[in-house]
Structures are given as C-alpha cells and as structure tokens.
Amino acid sequence: MNDLERAALVAQAHLADALPRRWRHVQAVASKARELSHVTGEDPEILVTAAWLHDIGYAPALVDTGFHSLDGARWLVREHFPLRVANLVAYHSCAIYEAEERGLSQELSAEFSPETSPTSDALWFADMTTGPDGQNMTAEDRLTEIRDRYGPNHLVTRFWRRAEPMLMDAIQRTEARMASQPM
C-alpha cells in the first residue's frame, strides 16, 4: 500500500466515527486537492496525501498539545509518513500564527520546516475553500465562518486576523496557477 492509500485509510479510521463533521471536511479537501494536483508541477500524490492527513491531529486519540497541526505532524513522523508530508501538515493554512498564539512556535519550528511551494499553496487553498461540512466556499466566506464559530476573542479568531494576508496570497497564487493551467 502506498502513502496516499494509507493516508486515506488512517484518516477515515481516526476521524469518520470520532469526528464525522471533520471527516466530511477532510474528504472534500482531499477531493479538491486531487483536482488541483496538476497545478503543483510536482508529485501530485504528496498534495493529496497531505490533504487526507491535514487535520489528523484533531483525532481524539492523537491529541497531545491541543494544536492539531503539531500533534498531527508528530504522529505522522511516528507512523513513518514522509517528512515532507509531516512538514506540510505542520504548517498548513498559516499554522505558524496559531502556534504563536498557543506558545508552541519554538516547538513547531524546532521539529518541522515550513515549505513555500505550489504544493503548500494548493493545500492551503483546498483547506480554506472547503467548509466544515465539505461544502465549497470562498476563502473570505470560510474566514467569516471560522470567526463566527469561534467568536471574536478566541485564539483561532486572533490568529486568523494576523494570518489572513499570508493566506490570501497563497489563495491568489493558486488561483493564478489554475488559470494558467486549466484542467
């Protein structure tokens, strides 16, 4: 079994029953990543594998710090997924800002490396244009939904206030790649 097949299976095993809403989101993100994989110019399986696993750190059995990006990436390393996949998961969707809010940025940067690439941009795009129930959304609508769900003073809302310009840059780069390389 390759990493992509294994990723889908372990995501289902850890999320489908325990967190069905999160599972719907993850399935839709992976589907969108599959559709976007042609714009990365790289190994398309890396993007789709990371998409299946981007929220694995929410699985109750895997929670350690409470920061899903770090918890998920650590688990991926222990389970011998490629380090690049763990790095993509660790830093997906502006996770460095959440790490700072949680006081975990030193741990994150000591263990994992950020990647600026068409692959990381496409992962962020797939995640942030997919709603919590798997529905398509604009990134702006997704950010509004997150802020409404968490409230104005929650650390998730705070980190997104700071991260929004970085996220929107990644979204725009992916949209430009999609326009120049239609399916």
C-alpha atoms as a PDB file:
ATOM      1  CA  MET A   1       0.000   0.000   0.000  1.00  0.00           C
ATOM      2  CA  ASN A   2       1.397   3.408  -0.926  1.00  0.00           C
ATOM      3  CA  ASP A   3       1.367   6.527   1.289  1.00  0.00           C
ATOM      4  CA  LEU A   4      -1.660   8.019  -0.454  1.00  0.00           C
ATOM      5  CA  GLU A   5      -3.792   4.907   0.059  1.00  0.00           C
ATOM      6  CA  ARG A   6      -2.607   4.608   3.644  1.00  0.00           C
ATOM      7  CA  ALA A   7      -3.375   8.287   4.298  1.00  0.00           C
ATOM      8  CA  ALA A   8      -6.997   7.899   3.230  1.00  0.00           C
ATOM      9  CA  LEU A   9      -7.411   4.791   5.369  1.00  0.00           C
ATOM     10  CA  VAL A  10      -5.859   6.222   8.528  1.00  0.00           C
ATOM     11  CA  ALA A  11      -7.782   9.480   8.161  1.00  0.00           C
ATOM     12  CA  GLN A  12     -11.008   7.516   7.921  1.00  0.00           C
ATOM     13  CA  ALA A  13     -10.056   5.282  10.849  1.00  0.00           C
ATOM     14  CA  HIS A  14      -9.263   8.243  13.113  1.00  0.00           C
ATOM     15  CA  LEU A  15     -11.902  10.749  12.028  1.00  0.00           C
ATOM     16  CA  ALA A  16     -15.011   9.137  10.489  1.00  0.00           C
ATOM     17  CA  ASP A  17     -16.639   7.911  13.699  1.00  0.00           C
ATOM     18  CA  ALA A  18     -14.982  10.194  16.237  1.00  0.00           C
ATOM     19  CA  LEU A  19     -15.405  13.465  14.321  1.00  0.00           C
ATOM     20  CA  PRO A  20     -17.875  12.989  11.448  1.00  0.00           C
ATOM     21  CA  ARG A  21     -18.078  16.679  10.566  1.00  0.00           C
ATOM     22  CA  ARG A  22     -14.293  16.946  10.414  1.00  0.00           C
ATOM     23  CA  TRP A  23     -14.269  13.751   8.310  1.00  0.00           C
ATOM     24  CA  ARG A  24     -16.654  15.339   5.766  1.00  0.00           C
ATOM     25  CA  HIS A  25     -14.331  18.350   5.571  1.00  0.00           C
ATOM     26  CA  VAL A  26     -11.235  16.173   5.119  1.00  0.00           C
ATOM     27  CA  GLN A  27     -12.842  14.091   2.365  1.00  0.00           C
ATOM     28  CA  ALA A  28     -13.782  17.233   0.445  1.00  0.00           C
ATOM     29  CA  VAL A  29     -10.328  18.784   0.927  1.00  0.00           C
ATOM     30  CA  ALA A  30      -8.700  15.601  -0.415  1.00  0.00           C
ATOM     31  CA  SER A  31     -11.046  15.595  -3.406  1.00  0.00           C
ATOM     32  CA  LYS A  32     -10.275  19.229  -4.145  1.00  0.00           C
ATOM     33  CA  ALA A  33      -6.544  18.571  -3.751  1.00  0.00           C
ATOM     34  CA  ARG A  34      -6.816  15.764  -6.301  1.00  0.00           C
ATOM     35  CA  GLU A  35      -8.408  18.220  -8.743  1.00  0.00           C
ATOM     36  CA  LEU A  36      -5.668  20.795  -8.029  1.00  0.00           C
ATOM     37  CA  SER A  37      -2.719  18.430  -8.184  1.00  0.00           C
ATOM     38  CA  HIS A  38      -1.950  19.325 -11.804  1.00  0.00           C
ATOM     39  CA  VAL A  39      -1.055  22.916 -10.831  1.00  0.00           C
ATOM     40  CA  THR A  40       1.754  21.972  -8.454  1.00  0.00           C
ATOM     41  CA  GLY A  41       4.227  20.892 -11.110  1.00  0.00           C
ATOM     42  CA  GLU A  42       5.440  18.264  -8.647  1.00  0.00           C
ATOM     43  CA  ASP A  43       4.472  14.837  -7.372  1.00  0.00           C
ATOM     44  CA  PRO A  44       0.672  15.120  -7.155  1.00  0.00           C
ATOM     45  CA  GLU A  45       0.444  12.332  -4.590  1.00  0.00           C
ATOM     46  CA  ILE A  46       2.229  14.455  -1.965  1.00  0.00           C
ATOM     47  CA  LEU A  47      -0.504  17.104  -2.124  1.00  0.00           C
ATOM     48  CA  VAL A  48      -3.355  14.600  -1.915  1.00  0.00           C
ATOM     49  CA  THR A  49      -1.646  12.628   0.871  1.00  0.00           C
ATOM     50  CA  ALA A  50      -1.182  15.829   2.893  1.00  0.00           C
ATOM     51  CA  ALA A  51      -4.809  16.774   2.229  1.00  0.00           C
ATOM     52  CA  TRP A  52      -6.072  13.473   3.642  1.00  0.00           C
ATOM     53  CA  LEU A  53      -3.905  14.000   6.728  1.00  0.00           C
ATOM     54  CA  HIS A  54      -4.018  17.771   7.284  1.00  0.00           C
ATOM     55  CA  ASP A  55      -6.494  17.516  10.189  1.00  0.00           C
ATOM     56  CA  ILE A  56      -5.451  14.131  11.610  1.00  0.00           C
ATOM     57  CA  GLY A  57      -4.215  15.944  14.730  1.00  0.00           C
ATOM     58  CA  TYR A  58      -7.840  16.613  15.747  1.00  0.00           C
ATOM     59  CA  ALA A  59      -8.400  12.869  16.251  1.00  0.00           C
ATOM     60  CA  PRO A  60      -9.054  12.363  19.963  1.00  0.00           C
ATOM     61  CA  ALA A  61      -6.541   9.513  20.214  1.00  0.00           C
ATOM     62  CA  LEU A  62      -3.775  11.721  18.782  1.00  0.00           C
ATOM     63  CA  VAL A  63      -4.268  14.949  20.730  1.00  0.00           C
ATOM     64  CA  ASP A  64      -1.224  15.885  22.796  1.00  0.00           C
ATOM     65  CA  THR A  65      -0.680  19.653  22.830  1.00  0.00           C
ATOM     66  CA  GLY A  66      -4.143  20.585  21.549  1.00  0.00           C
ATOM     67  CA  PHE A  67      -2.567  22.194  18.485  1.00  0.00           C
ATOM     68  CA  HIS A  68      -3.766  19.908  15.708  1.00  0.00           C
ATOM     69  CA  SER A  69      -1.086  20.817  13.176  1.00  0.00           C
ATOM     70  CA  LEU A  70       1.753  19.917  15.539  1.00  0.00           C
ATOM     71  CA  ASP A  71       0.019  16.886  17.054  1.00  0.00           C
ATOM     72  CA  GLY A  72      -0.789  15.542  13.589  1.00  0.00           C
ATOM     73  CA  ALA A  73       2.687  16.130  12.195  1.00  0.00           C
ATOM     74  CA  ARG A  74       4.314  14.418  15.165  1.00  0.00           C
ATOM     75  CA  TRP A  75       2.044  11.416  14.724  1.00  0.00           C
ATOM     76  CA  LEU A  76       2.871  11.263  11.011  1.00  0.00           C
ATOM     77  CA  VAL A  77       6.585  11.105  11.804  1.00  0.00           C
ATOM     78  CA  ARG A  78       5.995   8.321  14.326  1.00  0.00           C
ATOM     79  CA  GLU A  79       3.957   6.439  11.720  1.00  0.00           C
ATOM     80  CA  HIS A  80       6.744   6.799   9.134  1.00  0.00           C
ATOM     81  CA  PHE A  81       4.932   9.005   6.648  1.00  0.00           C
ATOM     82  CA  PRO A  82       7.314  11.093   4.517  1.00  0.00           C
ATOM     83  CA  LEU A  83       8.800  14.051   6.365  1.00  0.00           C
ATOM     84  CA  ARG A  84       7.609  16.357   3.596  1.00  0.00           C
ATOM     85  CA  VAL A  85       4.005  15.332   4.287  1.00  0.00           C
ATOM     86  CA  ALA A  86       4.531  15.943   8.016  1.00  0.00           C
ATOM     87  CA  ASN A  87       6.020  19.379   7.255  1.00  0.00           C
ATOM     88  CA  LEU A  88       3.064  20.278   5.014  1.00  0.00           C
ATOM     89  CA  VAL A  89       0.636  19.207   7.745  1.00  0.00           C
ATOM     90  CA  ALA A  90       2.604  21.008  10.460  1.00  0.00           C
ATOM     91  CA  TYR A  91       2.450  24.335   8.648  1.00  0.00           C
ATOM     92  CA  HIS A  92      -0.816  24.059   6.719  1.00  0.00           C
ATOM     93  CA  SER A  93      -3.080  27.068   6.456  1.00  0.00           C
ATOM     94  CA  CYS A  94      -0.900  29.565   8.320  1.00  0.00           C
ATOM     95  CA  ALA A  95      -0.354  27.258  11.296  1.00  0.00           C
ATOM     96  CA  ILE A  96       2.673  29.272  12.426  1.00  0.00           C
ATOM     97  CA  TYR A  97       0.312  32.006  13.593  1.00  0.00           C
ATOM     98  CA  GLU A  98      -1.743  29.556  15.629  1.00  0.00           C
ATOM     99  CA  ALA A  99       1.483  28.130  17.063  1.00  0.00           C
ATOM    100  CA  GLU A 100       2.454  31.627  18.199  1.00  0.00           C
ATOM    101  CA  GLU A 101      -0.957  32.142  19.854  1.00  0.00           C
ATOM    102  CA  ARG A 102      -0.573  28.817  21.666  1.00  0.00           C
ATOM    103  CA  GLY A 103       3.034  29.420  22.715  1.00  0.00           C
ATOM    104  CA  LEU A 104       4.221  26.495  20.563  1.00  0.00           C
ATOM    105  CA  SER A 105       6.078  28.245  17.740  1.00  0.00           C
ATOM    106  CA  GLN A 106       9.516  27.225  19.025  1.00  0.00           C
ATOM    107  CA  GLU A 107       8.470  23.570  19.222  1.00  0.00           C
ATOM    108  CA  LEU A 108       6.923  23.706  15.757  1.00  0.00           C
ATOM    109  CA  SER A 109       9.978  25.309  14.152  1.00  0.00           C
ATOM    110  CA  ALA A 110      12.412  23.028  16.004  1.00  0.00           C
ATOM    111  CA  GLU A 111      10.703  19.881  14.723  1.00  0.00           C
ATOM    112  CA  PHE A 112       9.321  20.843  11.305  1.00  0.00           C
ATOM    113  CA  SER A 113      10.198  23.053   8.359  1.00  0.00           C
ATOM    114  CA  PRO A 114       7.817  25.347   6.520  1.00  0.00           C
ATOM    115  CA  GLU A 115       7.501  24.970   2.784  1.00  0.00           C
ATOM    116  CA  THR A 116       6.654  27.738   0.345  1.00  0.00           C
ATOM    117  CA  SER A 117       5.692  26.000  -2.861  1.00  0.00           C
ATOM    118  CA  PRO A 118       2.825  25.426  -5.265  1.00  0.00           C
ATOM    119  CA  THR A 119       2.066  22.278  -3.245  1.00  0.00           C
ATOM    120  CA  SER A 120       1.729  24.081   0.084  1.00  0.00           C
ATOM    121  CA  ASP A 121      -0.292  26.853  -1.581  1.00  0.00           C
ATOM    122  CA  ALA A 122      -2.645  24.275  -3.118  1.00  0.00           C
ATOM    123  CA  LEU A 123      -3.090  22.529   0.248  1.00  0.00           C
ATOM    124  CA  TRP A 124      -3.989  25.834   1.887  1.00  0.00           C
ATOM    125  CA  PHE A 125      -6.368  26.611  -0.991  1.00  0.00           C
ATOM    126  CA  ALA A 126      -8.098  23.231  -0.712  1.00  0.00           C
ATOM    127  CA  ASP A 127      -8.444  23.569   3.066  1.00  0.00           C
ATOM    128  CA  MET A 128      -9.560  27.180   3.183  1.00  0.00           C
ATOM    129  CA  THR A 129     -12.077  26.963   0.334  1.00  0.00           C
ATOM    130  CA  THR A 130     -13.816  23.973   1.919  1.00  0.00           C
ATOM    131  CA  GLY A 131     -16.320  24.462   4.714  1.00  0.00           C
ATOM    132  CA  PRO A 132     -16.678  22.397   7.866  1.00  0.00           C
ATOM    133  CA  ASP A 133     -19.259  20.123   6.223  1.00  0.00           C
ATOM    134  CA  GLY A 134     -17.306  19.723   2.989  1.00  0.00           C
ATOM    135  CA  GLN A 135     -19.063  22.478   1.090  1.00  0.00           C
ATOM    136  CA  ASN A 136     -17.256  24.765  -1.369  1.00  0.00           C
ATOM    137  CA  MET A 137     -16.702  28.278  -0.061  1.00  0.00           C
ATOM    138  CA  THR A 138     -14.598  31.271  -0.902  1.00  0.00           C
ATOM    139  CA  ALA A 139     -11.681  31.833   1.442  1.00  0.00           C
ATOM    140  CA  GLU A 140     -13.350  35.042   2.612  1.00  0.00           C
ATOM    141  CA  ASP A 141     -16.543  33.155   3.485  1.00  0.00           C
ATOM    142  CA  ARG A 142     -14.530  30.457   5.219  1.00  0.00           C
ATOM    143  CA  LEU A 143     -12.743  33.012   7.371  1.00  0.00           C
ATOM    144  CA  THR A 144     -16.100  34.599   8.255  1.00  0.00           C
ATOM    145  CA  GLU A 145     -17.498  31.164   9.152  1.00  0.00           C
ATOM    146  CA  ILE A 146     -14.486  30.454  11.396  1.00  0.00           C
ATOM    147  CA  ARG A 147     -14.762  33.815  13.143  1.00  0.00           C
ATOM    148  CA  ASP A 148     -18.488  33.327  13.696  1.00  0.00           C
ATOM    149  CA  ARG A 149     -17.978  29.800  15.025  1.00  0.00           C
ATOM    150  CA  TYR A 150     -15.213  30.710  17.475  1.00  0.00           C
ATOM    151  CA  GLY A 151     -16.237  34.222  18.465  1.00  0.00           C
ATOM    152  CA  PRO A 152     -14.296  37.485  18.428  1.00  0.00           C
ATOM    153  CA  ASN A 153     -11.814  36.822  21.242  1.00  0.00           C
ATOM    154  CA  HIS A 154     -10.928  33.174  20.671  1.00  0.00           C
ATOM    155  CA  LEU A 155      -7.288  32.427  19.841  1.00  0.00           C
ATOM    156  CA  VAL A 156      -8.343  30.945  16.481  1.00  0.00           C
ATOM    157  CA  THR A 157     -10.008  34.228  15.534  1.00  0.00           C
ATOM    158  CA  ARG A 158      -6.973  36.161  16.761  1.00  0.00           C
ATOM    159  CA  PHE A 159      -4.524  34.125  14.730  1.00  0.00           C
ATOM    160  CA  TRP A 160      -6.631  34.430  11.562  1.00  0.00           C
ATOM    161  CA  ARG A 161      -6.696  38.217  11.916  1.00  0.00           C
ATOM    162  CA  ARG A 162      -2.901  38.167  11.673  1.00  0.00           C
ATOM    163  CA  ALA A 163      -2.653  35.335   9.148  1.00  0.00           C
ATOM    164  CA  GLU A 164      -5.233  36.495   6.610  1.00  0.00           C
ATOM    165  CA  PRO A 165      -2.821  38.404   4.318  1.00  0.00           C
ATOM    166  CA  MET A 166      -0.482  35.390   4.108  1.00  0.00           C
ATOM    167  CA  LEU A 167      -3.397  33.038   3.444  1.00  0.00           C
ATOM    168  CA  MET A 168      -4.898  35.261   0.755  1.00  0.00           C
ATOM    169  CA  ASP A 169      -1.516  35.460  -1.003  1.00  0.00           C
ATOM    170  CA  ALA A 170      -1.399  31.638  -1.176  1.00  0.00           C
ATOM    171  CA  ILE A 171      -5.002  31.528  -2.418  1.00  0.00           C
ATOM    172  CA  GLN A 172      -4.241  34.084  -5.133  1.00  0.00           C
ATOM    173  CA  ARG A 173      -1.100  32.244  -6.243  1.00  0.00           C
ATOM    174  CA  THR A 174      -3.092  29.018  -6.561  1.00  0.00           C
ATOM    175  CA  GLU A 175      -5.875  30.750  -8.472  1.00  0.00           C
ATOM    176  CA  ALA A 176      -3.290  32.188 -10.873  1.00  0.00           C
ATOM    177  CA  ARG A 177      -1.790  28.730 -11.394  1.00  0.00           C
ATOM    178  CA  MET A 178      -5.271  27.307 -12.004  1.00  0.00           C
ATOM    179  CA  ALA A 179      -5.983  29.998 -14.604  1.00  0.00           C
ATOM    180  CA  SER A 180      -2.718  29.338 -16.418  1.00  0.00           C
ATOM    181  CA  GLN A 181      -3.082  25.526 -16.301  1.00  0.00           C
ATOM    182  CA  PRO A 182      -6.762  24.683 -16.779  1.00  0.00           C
ATOM    183  CA  MET A 183      -7.814  21.097 -16.269  1.00  0.00           C
END
